[in-house]
N, C-alpha and C. Protein backbone atom coordinates (compact mmCIF):
# COMPACT_ATOMS: atom_id res chain seq x y z
N UNK A 1 4.41 12.79 -10.87
CA UNK A 1 3.32 11.86 -11.12
C UNK A 1 3.63 10.49 -10.54
N UNK A 2 4.90 10.07 -10.61
CA UNK A 2 5.27 8.74 -10.15
C UNK A 2 4.91 8.52 -8.69
N UNK A 3 5.10 9.56 -7.85
CA UNK A 3 4.81 9.41 -6.42
C UNK A 3 3.32 9.18 -6.16
N UNK A 4 2.47 9.73 -7.01
CA UNK A 4 1.03 9.57 -6.84
C UNK A 4 0.63 8.10 -6.95
N UNK A 5 1.28 7.38 -7.83
CA UNK A 5 0.90 6.00 -8.13
C UNK A 5 1.83 4.97 -7.49
N UNK A 6 2.78 5.43 -6.68
CA UNK A 6 3.72 4.52 -6.05
C UNK A 6 3.00 3.59 -5.08
N UNK A 7 3.33 2.30 -5.15
CA UNK A 7 2.73 1.28 -4.28
C UNK A 7 1.21 1.23 -4.40
N UNK A 8 0.73 1.44 -5.63
CA UNK A 8 -0.70 1.37 -5.90
C UNK A 8 -0.95 0.40 -7.05
N UNK A 9 -2.10 -0.25 -7.02
CA UNK A 9 -2.50 -1.08 -8.15
C UNK A 9 -3.92 -0.71 -8.54
N UNK A 10 -4.21 -0.80 -9.83
CA UNK A 10 -5.49 -0.35 -10.34
C UNK A 10 -6.58 -1.38 -10.08
N UNK A 11 -7.77 -0.89 -9.80
CA UNK A 11 -8.96 -1.73 -9.74
C UNK A 11 -9.74 -1.46 -11.03
N UNK A 12 -9.71 -2.40 -11.97
CA UNK A 12 -10.26 -2.14 -13.30
C UNK A 12 -11.78 -1.96 -13.29
N UNK A 13 -12.44 -2.57 -12.33
CA UNK A 13 -13.89 -2.38 -12.20
C UNK A 13 -14.20 -0.92 -11.84
N UNK A 14 -13.42 -0.40 -10.88
CA UNK A 14 -13.62 0.98 -10.47
C UNK A 14 -13.20 1.94 -11.59
N UNK A 15 -12.20 1.53 -12.35
CA UNK A 15 -11.75 2.35 -13.47
C UNK A 15 -12.89 2.57 -14.46
N UNK A 16 -13.59 1.50 -14.78
CA UNK A 16 -14.70 1.57 -15.71
C UNK A 16 -15.83 2.42 -15.14
N UNK A 17 -16.11 2.25 -13.84
CA UNK A 17 -17.15 3.03 -13.19
C UNK A 17 -16.81 4.52 -13.18
N UNK A 18 -15.53 4.82 -13.13
CA UNK A 18 -15.07 6.22 -13.09
C UNK A 18 -15.30 6.93 -14.42
N UNK A 19 -15.28 6.14 -15.51
CA UNK A 19 -15.48 6.73 -16.82
C UNK A 19 -14.42 6.39 -17.84
N UNK A 20 -13.51 5.48 -17.47
CA UNK A 20 -12.50 5.02 -18.42
C UNK A 20 -13.13 4.13 -19.47
N UNK A 21 -12.71 4.30 -20.72
CA UNK A 21 -13.15 3.46 -21.83
C UNK A 21 -11.89 2.84 -22.44
N UNK A 22 -11.85 1.50 -22.44
CA UNK A 22 -10.64 0.80 -22.91
C UNK A 22 -9.39 1.31 -22.18
N UNK A 23 -9.55 1.48 -20.86
CA UNK A 23 -8.46 1.93 -19.98
C UNK A 23 -7.96 3.34 -20.30
N UNK A 24 -8.81 4.14 -20.96
CA UNK A 24 -8.44 5.50 -21.33
C UNK A 24 -9.51 6.48 -20.84
N UNK A 25 -9.04 7.59 -20.30
CA UNK A 25 -9.96 8.61 -19.77
C UNK A 25 -9.56 9.98 -20.31
N UNK A 26 -10.55 10.74 -20.76
CA UNK A 26 -10.29 12.09 -21.26
C UNK A 26 -11.14 13.10 -20.50
N UNK A 27 -10.52 14.25 -20.20
CA UNK A 27 -11.25 15.32 -19.53
C UNK A 27 -10.61 16.65 -19.89
N UNK A 28 -11.33 17.72 -19.70
CA UNK A 28 -10.80 19.06 -19.97
C UNK A 28 -10.39 19.72 -18.65
N UNK A 29 -9.32 20.50 -18.72
CA UNK A 29 -8.89 21.30 -17.57
C UNK A 29 -8.65 22.74 -18.03
N UNK A 30 -8.44 23.61 -17.07
CA UNK A 30 -8.19 25.03 -17.34
C UNK A 30 -9.32 25.63 -18.18
N UNK A 31 -10.56 25.39 -17.73
CA UNK A 31 -11.74 25.93 -18.41
C UNK A 31 -11.80 25.54 -19.89
N UNK A 32 -11.35 24.33 -20.16
CA UNK A 32 -11.46 23.82 -21.52
C UNK A 32 -10.30 24.15 -22.43
N UNK A 33 -9.26 24.80 -21.89
CA UNK A 33 -8.11 25.14 -22.73
C UNK A 33 -7.27 23.91 -23.10
N UNK A 34 -7.32 22.89 -22.25
CA UNK A 34 -6.51 21.70 -22.45
C UNK A 34 -7.37 20.44 -22.37
N UNK A 35 -6.98 19.44 -23.15
CA UNK A 35 -7.59 18.11 -23.05
C UNK A 35 -6.55 17.17 -22.44
N UNK A 36 -6.90 16.58 -21.31
CA UNK A 36 -6.01 15.65 -20.62
C UNK A 36 -6.46 14.22 -20.90
N UNK A 37 -5.54 13.40 -21.40
CA UNK A 37 -5.80 11.99 -21.64
C UNK A 37 -4.96 11.16 -20.69
N UNK A 38 -5.62 10.24 -19.98
CA UNK A 38 -4.93 9.36 -19.03
C UNK A 38 -5.13 7.92 -19.50
N UNK A 39 -4.02 7.20 -19.67
CA UNK A 39 -4.09 5.78 -20.07
C UNK A 39 -3.44 4.92 -19.00
N UNK A 40 -4.07 3.78 -18.70
CA UNK A 40 -3.55 2.86 -17.69
C UNK A 40 -3.52 1.46 -18.30
N UNK A 41 -2.34 0.83 -18.30
CA UNK A 41 -2.26 -0.50 -18.90
C UNK A 41 -2.51 -1.59 -17.86
N UNK A 42 -2.44 -2.83 -18.28
CA UNK A 42 -2.78 -3.95 -17.40
C UNK A 42 -1.81 -4.14 -16.25
N UNK A 43 -0.65 -3.50 -16.33
CA UNK A 43 0.33 -3.57 -15.24
C UNK A 43 0.25 -2.37 -14.30
N UNK A 44 -0.84 -1.61 -14.42
CA UNK A 44 -1.08 -0.42 -13.59
C UNK A 44 -0.15 0.73 -13.92
N UNK A 45 0.54 0.66 -15.06
CA UNK A 45 1.39 1.77 -15.49
C UNK A 45 0.53 2.88 -16.08
N UNK A 46 0.82 4.10 -15.72
CA UNK A 46 0.01 5.26 -16.11
C UNK A 46 0.79 6.16 -17.04
N UNK A 47 0.14 6.59 -18.12
CA UNK A 47 0.73 7.59 -19.02
C UNK A 47 -0.31 8.68 -19.25
N UNK A 48 0.17 9.87 -19.48
CA UNK A 48 -0.73 11.01 -19.70
C UNK A 48 -0.29 11.81 -20.91
N UNK A 49 -1.23 12.53 -21.48
CA UNK A 49 -0.95 13.47 -22.57
C UNK A 49 -1.84 14.69 -22.39
N UNK A 50 -1.22 15.85 -22.41
CA UNK A 50 -1.96 17.10 -22.26
C UNK A 50 -1.83 17.89 -23.56
N UNK A 51 -2.97 18.21 -24.17
CA UNK A 51 -2.99 18.87 -25.48
C UNK A 51 -3.72 20.20 -25.39
N UNK A 52 -3.09 21.24 -25.97
CA UNK A 52 -3.78 22.53 -26.08
C UNK A 52 -4.92 22.39 -27.09
N UNK A 53 -6.10 22.69 -26.66
CA UNK A 53 -7.28 22.44 -27.49
C UNK A 53 -7.25 23.26 -28.77
N UNK A 54 -6.86 24.51 -28.68
CA UNK A 54 -6.92 25.40 -29.84
C UNK A 54 -5.87 25.04 -30.89
N UNK A 55 -4.64 24.78 -30.46
CA UNK A 55 -3.55 24.52 -31.41
C UNK A 55 -3.38 23.04 -31.73
N UNK A 56 -3.86 22.18 -30.84
CA UNK A 56 -3.66 20.75 -31.01
C UNK A 56 -2.26 20.29 -30.66
N UNK A 57 -1.46 21.17 -30.08
CA UNK A 57 -0.08 20.82 -29.73
C UNK A 57 -0.01 20.21 -28.33
N UNK A 58 0.94 19.30 -28.17
CA UNK A 58 1.15 18.68 -26.86
C UNK A 58 1.87 19.66 -25.94
N UNK A 59 1.35 19.78 -24.71
CA UNK A 59 1.90 20.70 -23.70
C UNK A 59 2.67 19.88 -22.67
N UNK A 60 3.90 20.32 -22.34
CA UNK A 60 4.73 19.55 -21.41
C UNK A 60 5.33 20.37 -20.28
N UNK A 61 5.13 21.68 -20.28
CA UNK A 61 5.80 22.51 -19.27
C UNK A 61 5.40 22.15 -17.85
N UNK A 62 4.21 21.60 -17.67
CA UNK A 62 3.76 21.23 -16.32
C UNK A 62 4.55 20.05 -15.76
N UNK A 63 5.31 19.36 -16.64
CA UNK A 63 6.11 18.21 -16.21
C UNK A 63 7.56 18.57 -15.91
N UNK A 64 7.93 19.82 -16.23
CA UNK A 64 9.31 20.26 -16.04
C UNK A 64 9.44 20.92 -14.68
N UNK A 65 10.24 20.32 -13.82
CA UNK A 65 10.31 20.74 -12.42
C UNK A 65 10.75 22.19 -12.25
N UNK A 66 11.75 22.64 -13.03
CA UNK A 66 12.33 23.96 -12.80
C UNK A 66 11.55 25.09 -13.46
N UNK A 67 10.56 24.76 -14.29
CA UNK A 67 9.77 25.81 -14.93
C UNK A 67 8.76 26.38 -13.92
N UNK A 68 8.76 27.70 -13.80
CA UNK A 68 7.86 28.35 -12.85
C UNK A 68 7.00 29.38 -13.56
N UNK A 69 6.01 29.89 -12.84
CA UNK A 69 5.11 30.88 -13.40
C UNK A 69 3.69 30.57 -12.96
N UNK A 70 2.87 31.61 -12.87
CA UNK A 70 1.51 31.44 -12.37
C UNK A 70 0.69 30.52 -13.26
N UNK A 71 0.80 30.68 -14.58
CA UNK A 71 -0.01 29.88 -15.49
C UNK A 71 0.41 28.41 -15.44
N UNK A 72 1.71 28.17 -15.53
CA UNK A 72 2.20 26.79 -15.48
C UNK A 72 1.84 26.15 -14.15
N UNK A 73 1.94 26.93 -13.09
CA UNK A 73 1.59 26.42 -11.77
C UNK A 73 0.13 26.01 -11.68
N UNK A 74 -0.74 26.77 -12.30
CA UNK A 74 -2.17 26.45 -12.28
C UNK A 74 -2.45 25.19 -13.11
N UNK A 75 -1.79 25.10 -14.27
CA UNK A 75 -1.94 23.90 -15.11
C UNK A 75 -1.51 22.66 -14.33
N UNK A 76 -0.36 22.76 -13.68
CA UNK A 76 0.16 21.63 -12.91
C UNK A 76 -0.80 21.26 -11.79
N UNK A 77 -1.34 22.26 -11.12
CA UNK A 77 -2.26 22.01 -10.00
C UNK A 77 -3.51 21.26 -10.47
N UNK A 78 -4.10 21.70 -11.59
CA UNK A 78 -5.31 21.05 -12.09
C UNK A 78 -5.01 19.65 -12.63
N UNK A 79 -3.87 19.52 -13.27
CA UNK A 79 -3.42 18.22 -13.79
C UNK A 79 -3.28 17.22 -12.65
N UNK A 80 -2.59 17.61 -11.58
CA UNK A 80 -2.37 16.71 -10.46
C UNK A 80 -3.66 16.44 -9.69
N UNK A 81 -4.58 17.39 -9.68
CA UNK A 81 -5.87 17.20 -9.01
C UNK A 81 -6.66 16.07 -9.68
N UNK A 82 -6.63 16.05 -11.03
CA UNK A 82 -7.32 14.98 -11.76
C UNK A 82 -6.69 13.64 -11.44
N UNK A 83 -5.35 13.57 -11.47
CA UNK A 83 -4.67 12.30 -11.22
C UNK A 83 -4.90 11.83 -9.78
N UNK A 84 -4.88 12.75 -8.83
CA UNK A 84 -5.12 12.39 -7.43
C UNK A 84 -6.52 11.82 -7.25
N UNK A 85 -7.48 12.39 -7.95
CA UNK A 85 -8.85 11.90 -7.85
C UNK A 85 -8.97 10.49 -8.43
N UNK A 86 -8.24 10.24 -9.52
CA UNK A 86 -8.24 8.90 -10.12
C UNK A 86 -7.61 7.90 -9.15
N UNK A 87 -6.52 8.28 -8.51
CA UNK A 87 -5.88 7.41 -7.52
C UNK A 87 -6.85 7.09 -6.38
N UNK A 88 -7.50 8.11 -5.85
CA UNK A 88 -8.41 7.92 -4.72
C UNK A 88 -9.59 7.02 -5.06
N UNK A 89 -10.05 7.07 -6.29
CA UNK A 89 -11.26 6.35 -6.67
C UNK A 89 -11.03 5.03 -7.40
N UNK A 90 -9.86 4.85 -7.97
CA UNK A 90 -9.65 3.68 -8.84
C UNK A 90 -8.46 2.81 -8.47
N UNK A 91 -7.69 3.20 -7.46
CA UNK A 91 -6.49 2.44 -7.11
C UNK A 91 -6.56 1.95 -5.67
N UNK A 92 -5.82 0.88 -5.41
CA UNK A 92 -5.73 0.30 -4.08
C UNK A 92 -4.26 0.19 -3.69
N UNK A 93 -4.01 0.10 -2.39
CA UNK A 93 -2.64 -0.02 -1.92
C UNK A 93 -2.03 -1.35 -2.37
N UNK A 94 -0.78 -1.29 -2.77
CA UNK A 94 -0.05 -2.49 -3.19
C UNK A 94 1.37 -2.40 -2.65
N UNK A 95 1.46 -2.20 -1.34
CA UNK A 95 2.75 -1.99 -0.70
C UNK A 95 3.51 -3.30 -0.55
N UNK A 96 2.81 -4.32 -0.07
CA UNK A 96 3.46 -5.58 0.25
C UNK A 96 3.44 -6.53 -0.95
N UNK A 97 4.56 -7.20 -1.17
CA UNK A 97 4.73 -8.02 -2.37
C UNK A 97 4.66 -9.52 -2.08
N UNK A 98 4.94 -9.93 -0.84
CA UNK A 98 4.93 -11.35 -0.52
C UNK A 98 3.51 -11.91 -0.64
N UNK A 99 3.42 -13.13 -1.13
CA UNK A 99 2.11 -13.79 -1.24
C UNK A 99 1.44 -13.89 0.13
N UNK A 100 2.22 -14.28 1.16
CA UNK A 100 1.65 -14.45 2.50
C UNK A 100 1.18 -13.11 3.08
N UNK A 101 1.88 -12.03 2.76
CA UNK A 101 1.44 -10.71 3.22
C UNK A 101 0.06 -10.38 2.66
N UNK A 102 -0.10 -10.65 1.38
CA UNK A 102 -1.38 -10.38 0.72
C UNK A 102 -2.48 -11.28 1.31
N UNK A 103 -2.15 -12.54 1.60
CA UNK A 103 -3.13 -13.46 2.16
C UNK A 103 -3.56 -13.03 3.56
N UNK A 104 -2.61 -12.55 4.35
CA UNK A 104 -2.91 -12.08 5.71
C UNK A 104 -3.85 -10.88 5.66
N UNK A 105 -3.56 -9.94 4.77
CA UNK A 105 -4.40 -8.75 4.62
C UNK A 105 -5.80 -9.15 4.18
N UNK A 106 -5.88 -10.09 3.25
CA UNK A 106 -7.17 -10.58 2.76
C UNK A 106 -7.94 -11.29 3.87
N UNK A 107 -7.24 -12.07 4.69
CA UNK A 107 -7.86 -12.80 5.79
C UNK A 107 -8.52 -11.85 6.78
N UNK A 108 -7.79 -10.81 7.18
CA UNK A 108 -8.34 -9.83 8.13
C UNK A 108 -9.56 -9.12 7.56
N UNK A 109 -9.52 -8.85 6.27
CA UNK A 109 -10.64 -8.16 5.61
C UNK A 109 -11.86 -9.06 5.57
N UNK A 110 -11.67 -10.32 5.20
CA UNK A 110 -12.80 -11.23 5.02
C UNK A 110 -13.37 -11.71 6.36
N UNK A 111 -12.51 -11.98 7.34
CA UNK A 111 -13.01 -12.52 8.61
C UNK A 111 -13.45 -11.45 9.59
N UNK A 112 -12.70 -10.36 9.66
CA UNK A 112 -12.99 -9.34 10.66
C UNK A 112 -13.42 -7.99 10.08
N UNK A 113 -13.46 -7.91 8.74
CA UNK A 113 -13.83 -6.67 8.05
C UNK A 113 -12.91 -5.52 8.44
N UNK A 114 -11.65 -5.85 8.64
CA UNK A 114 -10.65 -4.84 9.01
C UNK A 114 -9.65 -4.65 7.87
N UNK A 115 -9.37 -3.40 7.56
CA UNK A 115 -8.34 -3.06 6.59
C UNK A 115 -7.06 -2.70 7.33
N UNK A 116 -5.93 -3.01 6.71
CA UNK A 116 -4.67 -2.55 7.32
C UNK A 116 -4.57 -1.03 7.17
N UNK A 117 -3.88 -0.42 8.10
CA UNK A 117 -3.73 1.04 8.12
C UNK A 117 -2.25 1.39 8.04
N UNK A 118 -1.96 2.37 7.22
CA UNK A 118 -0.58 2.85 7.06
C UNK A 118 -0.46 4.13 7.89
N UNK A 119 0.10 4.00 9.08
CA UNK A 119 0.06 5.08 10.06
C UNK A 119 1.25 6.02 10.00
N UNK A 120 2.35 5.58 9.36
CA UNK A 120 3.58 6.36 9.45
C UNK A 120 4.02 6.83 8.08
N UNK A 121 4.02 8.13 7.90
CA UNK A 121 4.43 8.72 6.61
C UNK A 121 5.88 8.38 6.30
N UNK A 122 6.73 8.33 7.32
CA UNK A 122 8.15 8.04 7.12
C UNK A 122 8.40 6.56 6.84
N UNK A 123 7.41 5.72 7.14
CA UNK A 123 7.57 4.27 6.95
C UNK A 123 6.36 3.74 6.17
N UNK A 124 6.27 4.07 4.89
CA UNK A 124 5.09 3.71 4.09
C UNK A 124 4.95 2.22 3.84
N UNK A 125 6.01 1.43 4.12
CA UNK A 125 5.94 0.00 3.90
C UNK A 125 5.71 -0.77 5.20
N UNK A 126 5.12 -0.08 6.18
CA UNK A 126 4.70 -0.70 7.43
C UNK A 126 3.23 -0.42 7.66
N UNK A 127 2.51 -1.40 8.21
CA UNK A 127 1.07 -1.22 8.41
C UNK A 127 0.62 -2.00 9.64
N UNK A 128 -0.54 -1.61 10.17
CA UNK A 128 -1.12 -2.32 11.32
C UNK A 128 -2.57 -2.67 11.03
N UNK A 129 -3.07 -3.63 11.79
CA UNK A 129 -4.49 -3.97 11.72
C UNK A 129 -5.01 -3.97 13.15
N UNK A 130 -6.15 -3.30 13.37
CA UNK A 130 -6.66 -3.21 14.74
C UNK A 130 -8.16 -3.45 14.79
N UNK A 131 -8.59 -3.86 15.97
CA UNK A 131 -10.01 -4.12 16.18
C UNK A 131 -10.81 -2.83 16.12
N UNK A 132 -12.03 -2.95 15.68
CA UNK A 132 -12.88 -1.76 15.59
C UNK A 132 -13.38 -1.31 16.97
N UNK A 133 -13.62 -2.29 17.87
CA UNK A 133 -14.25 -1.94 19.14
C UNK A 133 -13.32 -1.24 20.12
N UNK A 134 -12.10 -1.75 20.28
CA UNK A 134 -11.19 -1.16 21.27
C UNK A 134 -9.94 -0.52 20.65
N UNK A 135 -9.85 -0.58 19.31
CA UNK A 135 -8.74 0.05 18.57
C UNK A 135 -7.38 -0.58 18.86
N UNK A 136 -7.38 -1.76 19.49
CA UNK A 136 -6.11 -2.42 19.77
C UNK A 136 -5.57 -3.11 18.52
N UNK A 137 -4.27 -2.97 18.33
CA UNK A 137 -3.62 -3.66 17.23
C UNK A 137 -3.64 -5.16 17.51
N UNK A 138 -3.90 -5.96 16.48
CA UNK A 138 -3.72 -7.40 16.67
C UNK A 138 -2.68 -7.97 15.71
N UNK A 139 -2.26 -7.20 14.75
CA UNK A 139 -1.02 -7.55 14.04
C UNK A 139 -0.47 -6.33 13.33
N UNK A 140 0.82 -6.42 13.04
CA UNK A 140 1.50 -5.40 12.23
C UNK A 140 2.28 -6.13 11.15
N UNK A 141 2.29 -5.57 9.95
CA UNK A 141 3.15 -6.09 8.87
C UNK A 141 4.24 -5.05 8.62
N UNK A 142 5.47 -5.50 8.67
CA UNK A 142 6.60 -4.58 8.58
C UNK A 142 7.59 -5.08 7.52
N UNK A 143 8.30 -4.15 6.94
CA UNK A 143 9.39 -4.47 6.02
C UNK A 143 10.70 -4.22 6.75
N UNK A 144 11.48 -5.28 6.94
CA UNK A 144 12.62 -5.25 7.85
C UNK A 144 13.82 -5.91 7.18
N UNK A 145 15.01 -5.45 7.53
CA UNK A 145 16.23 -6.10 7.08
C UNK A 145 16.39 -7.44 7.80
N UNK A 146 16.73 -8.47 7.04
CA UNK A 146 16.78 -9.82 7.59
C UNK A 146 17.83 -9.97 8.69
N UNK A 147 18.86 -9.12 8.67
CA UNK A 147 19.90 -9.24 9.69
C UNK A 147 19.39 -8.87 11.09
N UNK A 148 18.21 -8.24 11.16
CA UNK A 148 17.63 -7.91 12.46
C UNK A 148 17.24 -9.17 13.23
N UNK A 149 17.15 -10.30 12.51
CA UNK A 149 16.76 -11.55 13.15
C UNK A 149 17.92 -12.54 13.24
N UNK A 150 19.14 -12.01 13.10
CA UNK A 150 20.32 -12.84 13.28
C UNK A 150 20.84 -13.51 12.03
N UNK A 151 20.23 -13.20 10.86
CA UNK A 151 20.69 -13.78 9.61
C UNK A 151 21.84 -12.95 9.02
N UNK A 152 22.71 -13.60 8.30
CA UNK A 152 23.84 -12.91 7.67
C UNK A 152 23.40 -12.37 6.31
N UNK A 153 22.44 -11.46 6.34
CA UNK A 153 21.89 -10.90 5.11
C UNK A 153 21.16 -9.60 5.44
N UNK A 154 21.32 -8.62 4.56
CA UNK A 154 20.56 -7.37 4.74
C UNK A 154 19.39 -7.29 3.77
N UNK A 155 18.98 -8.46 3.25
CA UNK A 155 17.81 -8.53 2.38
C UNK A 155 16.58 -8.02 3.12
N UNK A 156 15.75 -7.26 2.42
CA UNK A 156 14.50 -6.79 3.02
C UNK A 156 13.46 -7.91 2.97
N UNK A 157 12.82 -8.15 4.11
CA UNK A 157 11.78 -9.18 4.19
C UNK A 157 10.53 -8.57 4.82
N UNK A 158 9.39 -9.19 4.52
CA UNK A 158 8.12 -8.76 5.12
C UNK A 158 7.79 -9.70 6.27
N UNK A 159 7.45 -9.11 7.41
CA UNK A 159 7.20 -9.90 8.62
C UNK A 159 5.87 -9.49 9.22
N UNK A 160 5.34 -10.38 10.07
CA UNK A 160 4.13 -10.06 10.81
C UNK A 160 4.43 -10.15 12.30
N UNK A 161 4.02 -9.13 13.05
CA UNK A 161 4.08 -9.13 14.50
C UNK A 161 2.71 -9.50 15.03
N UNK A 162 2.67 -10.44 15.98
CA UNK A 162 1.41 -10.92 16.54
C UNK A 162 1.49 -10.98 18.06
N UNK A 163 0.34 -10.86 18.70
CA UNK A 163 0.26 -10.95 20.15
C UNK A 163 0.02 -12.39 20.59
N UNK A 164 0.51 -12.70 21.78
CA UNK A 164 0.26 -14.00 22.40
C UNK A 164 0.54 -13.86 23.89
N UNK A 165 0.16 -14.88 24.64
CA UNK A 165 0.47 -14.85 26.07
C UNK A 165 1.97 -14.99 26.26
N UNK A 166 2.46 -14.52 27.39
CA UNK A 166 3.89 -14.61 27.68
C UNK A 166 4.36 -16.06 27.67
N UNK A 167 3.53 -16.95 28.23
CA UNK A 167 3.88 -18.37 28.28
C UNK A 167 4.00 -18.96 26.87
N UNK A 168 3.06 -18.60 25.99
CA UNK A 168 3.08 -19.12 24.63
C UNK A 168 4.29 -18.60 23.87
N UNK A 169 4.63 -17.34 24.06
CA UNK A 169 5.78 -16.76 23.36
C UNK A 169 7.07 -17.45 23.79
N UNK A 170 7.20 -17.75 25.08
CA UNK A 170 8.40 -18.44 25.57
C UNK A 170 8.55 -19.80 24.90
N UNK A 171 7.43 -20.47 24.61
CA UNK A 171 7.47 -21.77 23.94
C UNK A 171 7.77 -21.64 22.44
N UNK A 172 7.23 -20.57 21.85
CA UNK A 172 7.31 -20.42 20.40
C UNK A 172 8.67 -19.98 19.90
N UNK A 173 9.23 -18.97 20.52
CA UNK A 173 10.42 -18.31 19.97
C UNK A 173 11.60 -19.29 19.91
N UNK A 174 12.02 -19.57 18.66
CA UNK A 174 13.15 -20.47 18.45
C UNK A 174 14.23 -19.83 17.58
N UNK A 175 13.98 -18.57 17.15
CA UNK A 175 14.91 -17.82 16.30
C UNK A 175 15.20 -18.52 14.98
N UNK A 176 14.27 -19.37 14.57
CA UNK A 176 14.34 -20.02 13.27
C UNK A 176 13.07 -19.72 12.47
N UNK A 177 11.93 -20.02 13.11
CA UNK A 177 10.64 -19.71 12.50
C UNK A 177 9.90 -18.63 13.26
N UNK A 178 10.13 -18.61 14.56
CA UNK A 178 9.47 -17.63 15.42
C UNK A 178 10.54 -16.80 16.13
N UNK A 179 10.30 -15.48 16.13
CA UNK A 179 11.29 -14.56 16.68
C UNK A 179 10.62 -13.64 17.71
N UNK A 180 11.45 -13.09 18.58
CA UNK A 180 10.93 -12.11 19.53
C UNK A 180 10.33 -10.93 18.77
N UNK A 181 9.30 -10.35 19.32
CA UNK A 181 8.58 -9.27 18.64
C UNK A 181 9.48 -8.14 18.21
N UNK A 182 9.47 -7.85 16.92
CA UNK A 182 10.31 -6.78 16.39
C UNK A 182 9.65 -5.43 16.65
N UNK A 183 10.38 -4.55 17.34
CA UNK A 183 9.88 -3.21 17.69
C UNK A 183 8.61 -3.26 18.56
N UNK A 184 8.43 -4.35 19.25
CA UNK A 184 7.28 -4.51 20.13
C UNK A 184 7.76 -5.01 21.50
N UNK A 185 6.84 -5.00 22.47
CA UNK A 185 7.13 -5.57 23.77
C UNK A 185 7.31 -7.08 23.61
N UNK A 186 8.51 -7.54 23.86
CA UNK A 186 8.83 -8.94 23.56
C UNK A 186 8.15 -9.93 24.49
N UNK A 187 7.54 -9.44 25.57
CA UNK A 187 6.78 -10.33 26.45
C UNK A 187 5.41 -10.64 25.87
N UNK A 188 4.93 -9.77 24.99
CA UNK A 188 3.56 -9.89 24.49
C UNK A 188 3.45 -10.06 22.98
N UNK A 189 4.56 -9.90 22.27
CA UNK A 189 4.53 -9.97 20.80
C UNK A 189 5.62 -10.90 20.29
N UNK A 190 5.36 -11.55 19.18
CA UNK A 190 6.38 -12.35 18.50
C UNK A 190 6.28 -12.05 17.00
N UNK A 191 7.29 -12.49 16.25
CA UNK A 191 7.41 -12.15 14.83
C UNK A 191 7.59 -13.41 13.99
N UNK A 192 6.92 -13.41 12.83
CA UNK A 192 7.10 -14.46 11.83
C UNK A 192 7.50 -13.80 10.51
N UNK A 193 8.51 -14.34 9.84
CA UNK A 193 8.85 -13.87 8.50
C UNK A 193 7.85 -14.50 7.53
N UNK A 194 7.26 -13.67 6.68
CA UNK A 194 6.16 -14.13 5.81
C UNK A 194 6.68 -14.73 4.49
N UNK A 195 7.64 -15.63 4.63
CA UNK A 195 8.29 -16.22 3.46
C UNK A 195 7.89 -17.68 3.24
N UNK A 196 6.90 -18.14 4.00
CA UNK A 196 6.47 -19.53 3.86
C UNK A 196 7.09 -20.46 4.87
N UNK A 197 7.96 -19.96 5.72
CA UNK A 197 8.61 -20.81 6.72
C UNK A 197 7.60 -21.33 7.75
N UNK A 198 6.54 -20.58 7.96
CA UNK A 198 5.42 -21.02 8.81
C UNK A 198 4.19 -21.11 7.91
N UNK A 199 3.48 -22.25 7.89
CA UNK A 199 2.33 -22.42 7.01
C UNK A 199 1.27 -21.33 7.22
N UNK A 200 0.61 -20.95 6.15
CA UNK A 200 -0.34 -19.85 6.23
C UNK A 200 -1.51 -20.17 7.15
N UNK A 201 -1.98 -21.42 7.18
CA UNK A 201 -3.10 -21.76 8.07
C UNK A 201 -2.73 -21.63 9.54
N UNK A 202 -1.47 -21.88 9.85
CA UNK A 202 -0.99 -21.69 11.22
C UNK A 202 -0.95 -20.20 11.55
N UNK A 203 -0.55 -19.40 10.58
CA UNK A 203 -0.54 -17.95 10.80
C UNK A 203 -1.96 -17.43 11.01
N UNK A 204 -2.91 -17.95 10.24
CA UNK A 204 -4.31 -17.55 10.42
C UNK A 204 -4.77 -17.83 11.85
N UNK A 205 -4.44 -19.00 12.38
CA UNK A 205 -4.85 -19.35 13.74
C UNK A 205 -4.22 -18.40 14.76
N UNK A 206 -2.99 -18.03 14.49
CA UNK A 206 -2.31 -17.13 15.44
C UNK A 206 -2.85 -15.70 15.32
N UNK A 207 -3.33 -15.33 14.15
CA UNK A 207 -4.03 -14.05 14.02
C UNK A 207 -5.30 -14.06 14.85
N UNK A 208 -6.04 -15.16 14.81
CA UNK A 208 -7.28 -15.28 15.59
C UNK A 208 -6.97 -15.16 17.09
N UNK A 209 -5.92 -15.83 17.52
CA UNK A 209 -5.53 -15.75 18.94
C UNK A 209 -5.18 -14.32 19.32
N UNK A 210 -4.40 -13.68 18.47
CA UNK A 210 -4.01 -12.30 18.71
C UNK A 210 -5.22 -11.38 18.77
N UNK A 211 -6.13 -11.59 17.87
CA UNK A 211 -7.35 -10.77 17.82
C UNK A 211 -8.16 -10.90 19.11
N UNK A 212 -8.24 -12.10 19.64
CA UNK A 212 -9.12 -12.36 20.78
C UNK A 212 -8.50 -12.05 22.14
N UNK A 213 -7.21 -11.73 22.14
CA UNK A 213 -6.59 -11.36 23.41
C UNK A 213 -7.11 -10.02 23.89
N UNK A 214 -7.45 -9.94 25.15
CA UNK A 214 -7.96 -8.68 25.72
C UNK A 214 -6.83 -7.81 26.20
């Protein structure tokens, strides 16, 4: 269950529209043999309870990894189907934690109506944003070890890769606030650590420049 809700945050408006009452949802599975209760608190933490309708006893075998059998397998399948549907309809991605990362994502959504896309299953904490008309990326947000930029630290940081002209990149890159494009063509991309070292309004302007490059 934990993997279903990893890097997700609840949208309480959608939760209510889905049928939750006081952050609690009840439904029947297995043709009414079980009542499934799903509770979600204000921190997006999810708890569930599965009860056999006839006996009133709590059922837990579907949560035990090593327990096998056709019946348990079917219960688990229906249980996870309900939770997956709740995730799809009531939760949003919450991969990035930095304030500036969230602001950048919000900026692209509000100005260009573009959502970030998570393209790599092996790298769920990396995302890109691209234009609708030509599908070109105009920024990427990545989670990277700080030592990749010459710092004496392996702390994980969130960074943004942006496009610019070669001439502009040569002026910008100082290896303090602006870095050569991480995992990108360094002639056309540069990187900013989203820790506040570069003001957010300056980043917005550079997103606009990146977006408008052909």
